[in-house]
Amino acid sequence: MPIRPRAEAGRRTVRITGQASTPPRRSRPAVVRVGSRPDRFALWAVGLGLFMALLAAATAHGAEPTAAHHAAQLLAHTR
């Protein structure tokens, strides 16, 4: 059985023409997306602010007193 060269072994040749099958979708700019729904943007801002306030309140009890706090206590006791 003779050995055939690779080009004759039944491999397909794909020719790239540079044309996409479908044009790429262009997404809308952020200004257009946010500008059309300012109420949704404001709602996210308020929600994020509330979340950050809750997070700060939940983690504040474990904080160590600072040097400024100790100095204020010393000043309060010396008066």
PDB file of N, CA and C in Angstrom:
ATOM      1  N   MET A   1       0.849  -1.179   0.000  1.00  0.00           N
ATOM      2  CA  MET A   1       0.000   0.000   0.000  1.00  0.00           C
ATOM      3  C   MET A   1       0.895   1.242   0.000  1.00  0.00           C
ATOM      4  N   PRO A   2       0.785   2.062  -1.002  1.00  0.00           N
ATOM      5  CA  PRO A   2       1.640   3.253  -1.068  1.00  0.00           C
ATOM      6  C   PRO A   2       1.156   4.333  -0.094  1.00  0.00           C
ATOM      7  N   ILE A   3       2.083   5.072   0.426  1.00  0.00           N
ATOM      8  CA  ILE A   3       1.773   6.168   1.349  1.00  0.00           C
ATOM      9  C   ILE A   3       1.490   7.423   0.521  1.00  0.00           C
ATOM     10  N   ARG A   4       0.299   8.011   0.754  1.00  0.00           N
ATOM     11  CA  ARG A   4      -0.072   9.218   0.009  1.00  0.00           C
ATOM     12  C   ARG A   4       0.392  10.461   0.767  1.00  0.00           C
ATOM     13  N   PRO A   5       0.714  11.518   0.067  1.00  0.00           N
ATOM     14  CA  PRO A   5       1.066  12.770   0.750  1.00  0.00           C
ATOM     15  C   PRO A   5      -0.128  13.299   1.541  1.00  0.00           C
ATOM     16  N   ARG A   6       0.150  14.131   2.542  1.00  0.00           N
ATOM     17  CA  ARG A   6      -0.902  14.645   3.435  1.00  0.00           C
ATOM     18  C   ARG A   6      -1.958  15.439   2.675  1.00  0.00           C
ATOM     19  N   ALA A   7      -1.583  16.176   1.635  1.00  0.00           N
ATOM     20  CA  ALA A   7      -2.555  16.975   0.896  1.00  0.00           C
ATOM     21  C   ALA A   7      -3.591  16.097   0.214  1.00  0.00           C
ATOM     22  N   GLU A   8      -3.237  14.908  -0.100  1.00  0.00           N
ATOM     23  CA  GLU A   8      -4.171  14.014  -0.772  1.00  0.00           C
ATOM     24  C   GLU A   8      -4.912  13.112   0.206  1.00  0.00           C
ATOM     25  N   ALA A   9      -4.696  13.239   1.474  1.00  0.00           N
ATOM     26  CA  ALA A   9      -5.283  12.339   2.457  1.00  0.00           C
ATOM     27  C   ALA A   9      -6.719  12.699   2.808  1.00  0.00           C
ATOM     28  N   GLY A  10      -7.362  13.535   2.056  1.00  0.00           N
ATOM     29  CA  GLY A  10      -8.759  13.845   2.328  1.00  0.00           C
ATOM     30  C   GLY A  10      -8.961  15.023   3.266  1.00  0.00           C
ATOM     31  N   ARG A  11      -7.960  15.821   3.483  1.00  0.00           N
ATOM     32  CA  ARG A  11      -8.110  16.992   4.353  1.00  0.00           C
ATOM     33  C   ARG A  11      -8.781  18.111   3.582  1.00  0.00           C
ATOM     34  N   ARG A  12      -9.688  18.771   4.250  1.00  0.00           N
ATOM     35  CA  ARG A  12     -10.387  19.876   3.606  1.00  0.00           C
ATOM     36  C   ARG A  12      -9.573  21.150   3.736  1.00  0.00           C
ATOM     37  N   THR A  13      -9.678  22.006   2.773  1.00  0.00           N
ATOM     38  CA  THR A  13      -9.032  23.300   2.814  1.00  0.00           C
ATOM     39  C   THR A  13     -10.097  24.349   3.092  1.00  0.00           C
ATOM     40  N   VAL A  14      -9.859  25.153   4.111  1.00  0.00           N
ATOM     41  CA  VAL A  14     -10.794  26.214   4.460  1.00  0.00           C
ATOM     42  C   VAL A  14     -10.191  27.524   3.985  1.00  0.00           C
ATOM     43  N   ARG A  15     -10.937  28.240   3.217  1.00  0.00           N
ATOM     44  CA  ARG A  15     -10.455  29.507   2.690  1.00  0.00           C
ATOM     45  C   ARG A  15     -11.077  30.641   3.493  1.00  0.00           C
ATOM     46  N   ILE A  16     -10.253  31.495   4.095  1.00  0.00           N
ATOM     47  CA  ILE A  16     -10.721  32.612   4.902  1.00  0.00           C
ATOM     48  C   ILE A  16     -10.794  33.833   3.994  1.00  0.00           C
ATOM     49  N   THR A  17     -11.988  34.407   3.911  1.00  0.00           N
ATOM     50  CA  THR A  17     -12.175  35.540   3.014  1.00  0.00           C
ATOM     51  C   THR A  17     -12.166  36.879   3.737  1.00  0.00           C
ATOM     52  N   GLY A  18     -12.221  36.886   5.028  1.00  0.00           N
ATOM     53  CA  GLY A  18     -12.210  38.127   5.794  1.00  0.00           C
ATOM     54  C   GLY A  18     -13.590  38.702   6.051  1.00  0.00           C
ATOM     55  N   GLN A  19     -14.622  38.058   5.592  1.00  0.00           N
ATOM     56  CA  GLN A  19     -15.979  38.536   5.805  1.00  0.00           C
ATOM     57  C   GLN A  19     -16.626  37.724   6.920  1.00  0.00           C
ATOM     58  N   ALA A  20     -17.159  38.406   7.911  1.00  0.00           N
ATOM     59  CA  ALA A  20     -17.853  37.717   8.999  1.00  0.00           C
ATOM     60  C   ALA A  20     -19.205  37.235   8.501  1.00  0.00           C
ATOM     61  N   SER A  21     -19.678  36.136   9.044  1.00  0.00           N
ATOM     62  CA  SER A  21     -20.962  35.606   8.612  1.00  0.00           C
ATOM     63  C   SER A  21     -22.105  36.521   9.040  1.00  0.00           C
ATOM     64  N   THR A  22     -22.015  37.097  10.245  1.00  0.00           N
ATOM     65  CA  THR A  22     -23.008  38.058  10.709  1.00  0.00           C
ATOM     66  C   THR A  22     -22.266  39.277  11.238  1.00  0.00           C
ATOM     67  N   PRO A  23     -22.808  40.455  11.048  1.00  0.00           N
ATOM     68  CA  PRO A  23     -22.122  41.642  11.571  1.00  0.00           C
ATOM     69  C   PRO A  23     -22.117  41.623  13.097  1.00  0.00           C
ATOM     70  N   PRO A  24     -21.052  42.086  13.722  1.00  0.00           N
ATOM     71  CA  PRO A  24     -21.003  42.084  15.185  1.00  0.00           C
ATOM     72  C   PRO A  24     -22.031  43.047  15.769  1.00  0.00           C
ATOM     73  N   ARG A  25     -22.608  42.647  16.888  1.00  0.00           N
ATOM     74  CA  ARG A  25     -23.593  43.495  17.557  1.00  0.00           C
ATOM     75  C   ARG A  25     -22.883  44.609  18.291  1.00  0.00           C
ATOM     76  N   ARG A  26     -23.380  45.796  18.157  1.00  0.00           N
ATOM     77  CA  ARG A  26     -22.799  46.941  18.860  1.00  0.00           C
ATOM     78  C   ARG A  26     -23.621  47.195  20.111  1.00  0.00           C
ATOM     79  N   SER A  27     -22.969  47.200  21.257  1.00  0.00           N
ATOM     80  CA  SER A  27     -23.682  47.483  22.489  1.00  0.00           C
ATOM     81  C   SER A  27     -23.833  48.993  22.646  1.00  0.00           C
ATOM     82  N   ARG A  28     -24.845  49.369  23.378  1.00  0.00           N
ATOM     83  CA  ARG A  28     -25.091  50.787  23.590  1.00  0.00           C
ATOM     84  C   ARG A  28     -24.062  51.341  24.569  1.00  0.00           C
ATOM     85  N   PRO A  29     -23.639  52.580  24.415  1.00  0.00           N
ATOM     86  CA  PRO A  29     -22.694  53.180  25.369  1.00  0.00           C
ATOM     87  C   PRO A  29     -23.327  53.310  26.751  1.00  0.00           C
ATOM     88  N   ALA A  30     -22.495  53.402  27.751  1.00  0.00           N
ATOM     89  CA  ALA A  30     -22.975  53.482  29.131  1.00  0.00           C
ATOM     90  C   ALA A  30     -23.826  54.728  29.350  1.00  0.00           C
ATOM     91  N   VAL A  31     -23.494  55.816  28.690  1.00  0.00           N
ATOM     92  CA  VAL A  31     -24.264  57.055  28.852  1.00  0.00           C
ATOM     93  C   VAL A  31     -25.699  56.853  28.394  1.00  0.00           C
ATOM     94  N   VAL A  32     -25.874  56.131  27.336  1.00  0.00           N
ATOM     95  CA  VAL A  32     -27.220  55.880  26.827  1.00  0.00           C
ATOM     96  C   VAL A  32     -27.968  54.942  27.759  1.00  0.00           C
ATOM     97  N   ARG A  33     -27.286  53.898  28.252  1.00  0.00           N
ATOM     98  CA  ARG A  33     -27.950  52.944  29.149  1.00  0.00           C
ATOM     99  C   ARG A  33     -28.360  53.605  30.457  1.00  0.00           C
ATOM    100  N   VAL A  34     -27.475  54.388  31.073  1.00  0.00           N
ATOM    101  CA  VAL A  34     -27.784  55.025  32.362  1.00  0.00           C
ATOM    102  C   VAL A  34     -28.703  56.216  32.158  1.00  0.00           C
ATOM    103  N   GLY A  35     -28.482  56.948  31.087  1.00  0.00           N
ATOM    104  CA  GLY A  35     -29.275  58.143  30.843  1.00  0.00           C
ATOM    105  C   GLY A  35     -30.734  57.841  30.609  1.00  0.00           C
ATOM    106  N   SER A  36     -31.030  56.679  30.089  1.00  0.00           N
ATOM    107  CA  SER A  36     -32.418  56.351  29.830  1.00  0.00           C
ATOM    108  C   SER A  36     -33.151  55.893  31.081  1.00  0.00           C
ATOM    109  N   ARG A  37     -32.434  55.446  32.104  1.00  0.00           N
ATOM    110  CA  ARG A  37     -33.069  54.976  33.339  1.00  0.00           C
ATOM    111  C   ARG A  37     -32.392  55.572  34.572  1.00  0.00           C
ATOM    112  N   PRO A  38     -32.490  56.892  34.805  1.00  0.00           N
ATOM    113  CA  PRO A  38     -31.817  57.476  35.968  1.00  0.00           C
ATOM    114  C   PRO A  38     -32.415  57.006  37.293  1.00  0.00           C
ATOM    115  N   ASP A  39     -33.685  56.623  37.294  1.00  0.00           N
ATOM    116  CA  ASP A  39     -34.295  56.145  38.530  1.00  0.00           C
ATOM    117  C   ASP A  39     -33.661  54.839  38.982  1.00  0.00           C
ATOM    118  N   ARG A  40     -33.329  53.972  38.042  1.00  0.00           N
ATOM    119  CA  ARG A  40     -32.684  52.708  38.397  1.00  0.00           C
ATOM    120  C   ARG A  40     -31.274  52.957  38.933  1.00  0.00           C
ATOM    121  N   PHE A  41     -30.569  53.898  38.327  1.00  0.00           N
ATOM    122  CA  PHE A  41     -29.224  54.245  38.789  1.00  0.00           C
ATOM    123  C   PHE A  41     -29.282  54.808  40.208  1.00  0.00           C
ATOM    124  N   ALA A  42     -30.249  55.672  40.488  1.00  0.00           N
ATOM    125  CA  ALA A  42     -30.399  56.240  41.828  1.00  0.00           C
ATOM    126  C   ALA A  42     -30.765  55.156  42.840  1.00  0.00           C
ATOM    127  N   LEU A  43     -31.597  54.225  42.439  1.00  0.00           N
ATOM    128  CA  LEU A  43     -31.978  53.136  43.344  1.00  0.00           C
ATOM    129  C   LEU A  43     -30.768  52.293  43.719  1.00  0.00           C
ATOM    130  N   TRP A  44     -29.900  51.998  42.747  1.00  0.00           N
ATOM    131  CA  TRP A  44     -28.682  51.247  43.048  1.00  0.00           C
ATOM    132  C   TRP A  44     -27.786  52.039  44.000  1.00  0.00           C
ATOM    133  N   ALA A  45     -27.673  53.356  43.810  1.00  0.00           N
ATOM    134  CA  ALA A  45     -26.833  54.183  44.670  1.00  0.00           C
ATOM    135  C   ALA A  45     -27.363  54.188  46.104  1.00  0.00           C
ATOM    136  N   VAL A  46     -28.668  54.322  46.252  1.00  0.00           N
ATOM    137  CA  VAL A  46     -29.268  54.312  47.599  1.00  0.00           C
ATOM    138  C   VAL A  46     -29.084  52.946  48.245  1.00  0.00           C
ATOM    139  N   GLY A  47     -29.316  51.894  47.483  1.00  0.00           N
ATOM    140  CA  GLY A  47     -29.139  50.541  48.024  1.00  0.00           C
ATOM    141  C   GLY A  47     -27.712  50.271  48.457  1.00  0.00           C
ATOM    142  N   LEU A  48     -26.753  50.722  47.648  1.00  0.00           N
ATOM    143  CA  LEU A  48     -25.354  50.544  48.012  1.00  0.00           C
ATOM    144  C   LEU A  48     -25.006  51.346  49.263  1.00  0.00           C
ATOM    145  N   GLY A  49     -25.530  52.555  49.373  1.00  0.00           N
ATOM    146  CA  GLY A  49     -25.293  53.364  50.571  1.00  0.00           C
ATOM    147  C   GLY A  49     -25.852  52.710  51.823  1.00  0.00           C
ATOM    148  N   LEU A  50     -27.061  52.165  51.734  1.00  0.00           N
ATOM    149  CA  LEU A  50     -27.645  51.472  52.889  1.00  0.00           C
ATOM    150  C   LEU A  50     -26.849  50.232  53.264  1.00  0.00           C
ATOM    151  N   PHE A  51     -26.416  49.491  52.263  1.00  0.00           N
ATOM    152  CA  PHE A  51     -25.610  48.304  52.525  1.00  0.00           C
ATOM    153  C   PHE A  51     -24.307  48.681  53.227  1.00  0.00           C
ATOM    154  N   MET A  52     -23.657  49.744  52.766  1.00  0.00           N
ATOM    155  CA  MET A  52     -22.397  50.165  53.389  1.00  0.00           C
ATOM    156  C   MET A  52     -22.620  50.653  54.815  1.00  0.00           C
ATOM    157  N   ALA A  53     -23.738  51.344  55.078  1.00  0.00           N
ATOM    158  CA  ALA A  53     -24.037  51.798  56.435  1.00  0.00           C
ATOM    159  C   ALA A  53     -24.292  50.597  57.353  1.00  0.00           C
ATOM    160  N   LEU A  54     -25.026  49.612  56.869  1.00  0.00           N
ATOM    161  CA  LEU A  54     -25.268  48.412  57.676  1.00  0.00           C
ATOM    162  C   LEU A  54     -23.974  47.650  57.948  1.00  0.00           C
ATOM    163  N   LEU A  55     -23.130  47.563  56.959  1.00  0.00           N
ATOM    164  CA  LEU A  55     -21.855  46.878  57.122  1.00  0.00           C
ATOM    165  C   LEU A  55     -20.973  47.601  58.139  1.00  0.00           C
ATOM    166  N   ALA A  56     -20.947  48.917  58.077  1.00  0.00           N
ATOM    167  CA  ALA A  56     -20.156  49.694  59.034  1.00  0.00           C
ATOM    168  C   ALA A  56     -20.699  49.536  60.451  1.00  0.00           C
ATOM    169  N   ALA A  57     -22.008  49.551  60.594  1.00  0.00           N
ATOM    170  CA  ALA A  57     -22.607  49.394  61.918  1.00  0.00           C
ATOM    171  C   ALA A  57     -22.375  47.990  62.474  1.00  0.00           C
ATOM    172  N   ALA A  58     -22.411  47.000  61.613  1.00  0.00           N
ATOM    173  CA  ALA A  58     -22.239  45.622  62.075  1.00  0.00           C
ATOM    174  C   ALA A  58     -20.804  45.342  62.503  1.00  0.00           C
ATOM    175  N   THR A  59     -19.845  46.011  61.920  1.00  0.00           N
ATOM    176  CA  THR A  59     -18.447  45.734  62.242  1.00  0.00           C
ATOM    177  C   THR A  59     -17.833  46.756  63.183  1.00  0.00           C
ATOM    178  N   ALA A  60     -18.573  47.757  63.593  1.00  0.00           N
ATOM    179  CA  ALA A  60     -18.003  48.819  64.429  1.00  0.00           C
ATOM    180  C   ALA A  60     -17.811  48.388  65.879  1.00  0.00           C
ATOM    181  N   HIS A  61     -18.592  47.449  66.367  1.00  0.00           N
ATOM    182  CA  HIS A  61     -18.508  47.087  67.785  1.00  0.00           C
ATOM    183  C   HIS A  61     -17.181  46.419  68.134  1.00  0.00           C
ATOM    184  N   GLY A  62     -16.514  45.822  67.200  1.00  0.00           N
ATOM    185  CA  GLY A  62     -15.267  45.133  67.476  1.00  0.00           C
ATOM    186  C   GLY A  62     -14.043  46.014  67.330  1.00  0.00           C
ATOM    187  N   ALA A  63     -14.227  47.290  67.066  1.00  0.00           N
ATOM    188  CA  ALA A  63     -13.091  48.170  66.838  1.00  0.00           C
ATOM    189  C   ALA A  63     -12.412  48.521  68.161  1.00  0.00           C
ATOM    190  N   GLU A  64     -11.108  48.557  68.148  1.00  0.00           N
ATOM    191  CA  GLU A  64     -10.340  48.956  69.323  1.00  0.00           C
ATOM    192  C   GLU A  64     -10.373  50.475  69.452  1.00  0.00           C
ATOM    193  N   PRO A  65     -10.410  50.998  70.674  1.00  0.00           N
ATOM    194  CA  PRO A  65     -10.357  52.451  70.835  1.00  0.00           C
ATOM    195  C   PRO A  65      -9.025  52.995  70.312  1.00  0.00           C
ATOM    196  N   THR A  66      -9.080  54.144  69.690  1.00  0.00           N
ATOM    197  CA  THR A  66      -7.883  54.739  69.120  1.00  0.00           C
ATOM    198  C   THR A  66      -7.172  55.600  70.155  1.00  0.00           C
ATOM    199  N   ALA A  67      -5.990  56.074  69.808  1.00  0.00           N
ATOM    200  CA  ALA A  67      -5.234  56.953  70.701  1.00  0.00           C
ATOM    201  C   ALA A  67      -5.991  58.247  70.946  1.00  0.00           C
ATOM    202  N   ALA A  68      -6.699  58.745  69.942  1.00  0.00           N
ATOM    203  CA  ALA A  68      -7.479  59.966  70.113  1.00  0.00           C
ATOM    204  C   ALA A  68      -8.607  59.738  71.116  1.00  0.00           C
ATOM    205  N   HIS A  69      -9.188  58.556  71.116  1.00  0.00           N
ATOM    206  CA  HIS A  69     -10.250  58.239  72.074  1.00  0.00           C
ATOM    207  C   HIS A  69      -9.689  58.229  73.500  1.00  0.00           C
ATOM    208  N   HIS A  70      -8.507  57.616  73.681  1.00  0.00           N
ATOM    209  CA  HIS A  70      -7.877  57.593  75.008  1.00  0.00           C
ATOM    210  C   HIS A  70      -7.526  59.001  75.468  1.00  0.00           C
ATOM    211  N   ALA A  71      -7.037  59.830  74.563  1.00  0.00           N
ATOM    212  CA  ALA A  71      -6.690  61.209  74.922  1.00  0.00           C
ATOM    213  C   ALA A  71      -7.939  61.981  75.326  1.00  0.00           C
ATOM    214  N   ALA A  72      -9.041  61.769  74.632  1.00  0.00           N
ATOM    215  CA  ALA A  72     -10.286  62.455  74.982  1.00  0.00           C
ATOM    216  C   ALA A  72     -10.782  62.005  76.343  1.00  0.00           C
ATOM    217  N   GLN A  73     -10.625  60.738  76.686  1.00  0.00           N
ATOM    218  CA  GLN A  73     -11.037  60.253  77.999  1.00  0.00           C
ATOM    219  C   GLN A  73     -10.164  60.855  79.097  1.00  0.00           C
ATOM    220  N   LEU A  74      -8.845  60.959  78.854  1.00  0.00           N
ATOM    221  CA  LEU A  74      -7.968  61.568  79.845  1.00  0.00           C
ATOM    222  C   LEU A  74      -8.298  63.028  80.069  1.00  0.00           C
ATOM    223  N   LEU A  75      -8.589  63.748  79.013  1.00  0.00           N
ATOM    224  CA  LEU A  75      -8.975  65.145  79.151  1.00  0.00           C
ATOM    225  C   LEU A  75     -10.293  65.283  79.897  1.00  0.00           C
ATOM    226  N   ALA A  76     -11.216  64.382  79.691  1.00  0.00           N
ATOM    227  CA  ALA A  76     -12.504  64.450  80.361  1.00  0.00           C
ATOM    228  C   ALA A  76     -12.357  64.177  81.864  1.00  0.00           C
ATOM    229  N   HIS A  77     -11.422  63.330  82.267  1.00  0.00           N
ATOM    230  CA  HIS A  77     -11.224  63.000  83.684  1.00  0.00           C
ATOM    231  C   HIS A  77     -10.426  64.081  84.408  1.00  0.00           C
ATOM    232  N   THR A  78      -9.623  64.855  83.724  1.00  0.00           N
ATOM    233  CA  THR A  78      -8.805  65.859  84.398  1.00  0.00           C
ATOM    234  C   THR A  78      -9.552  67.165  84.617  1.00  0.00           C
ATOM    235  N   ARG A  79     -10.715  67.314  84.050  1.00  0.00           N
ATOM    236  CA  ARG A  79     -11.439  68.576  84.227  1.00  0.00           C
ATOM    237  C   ARG A  79     -12.211  68.577  85.486  1.00  0.00           C
TER     238      ARG A  79
END
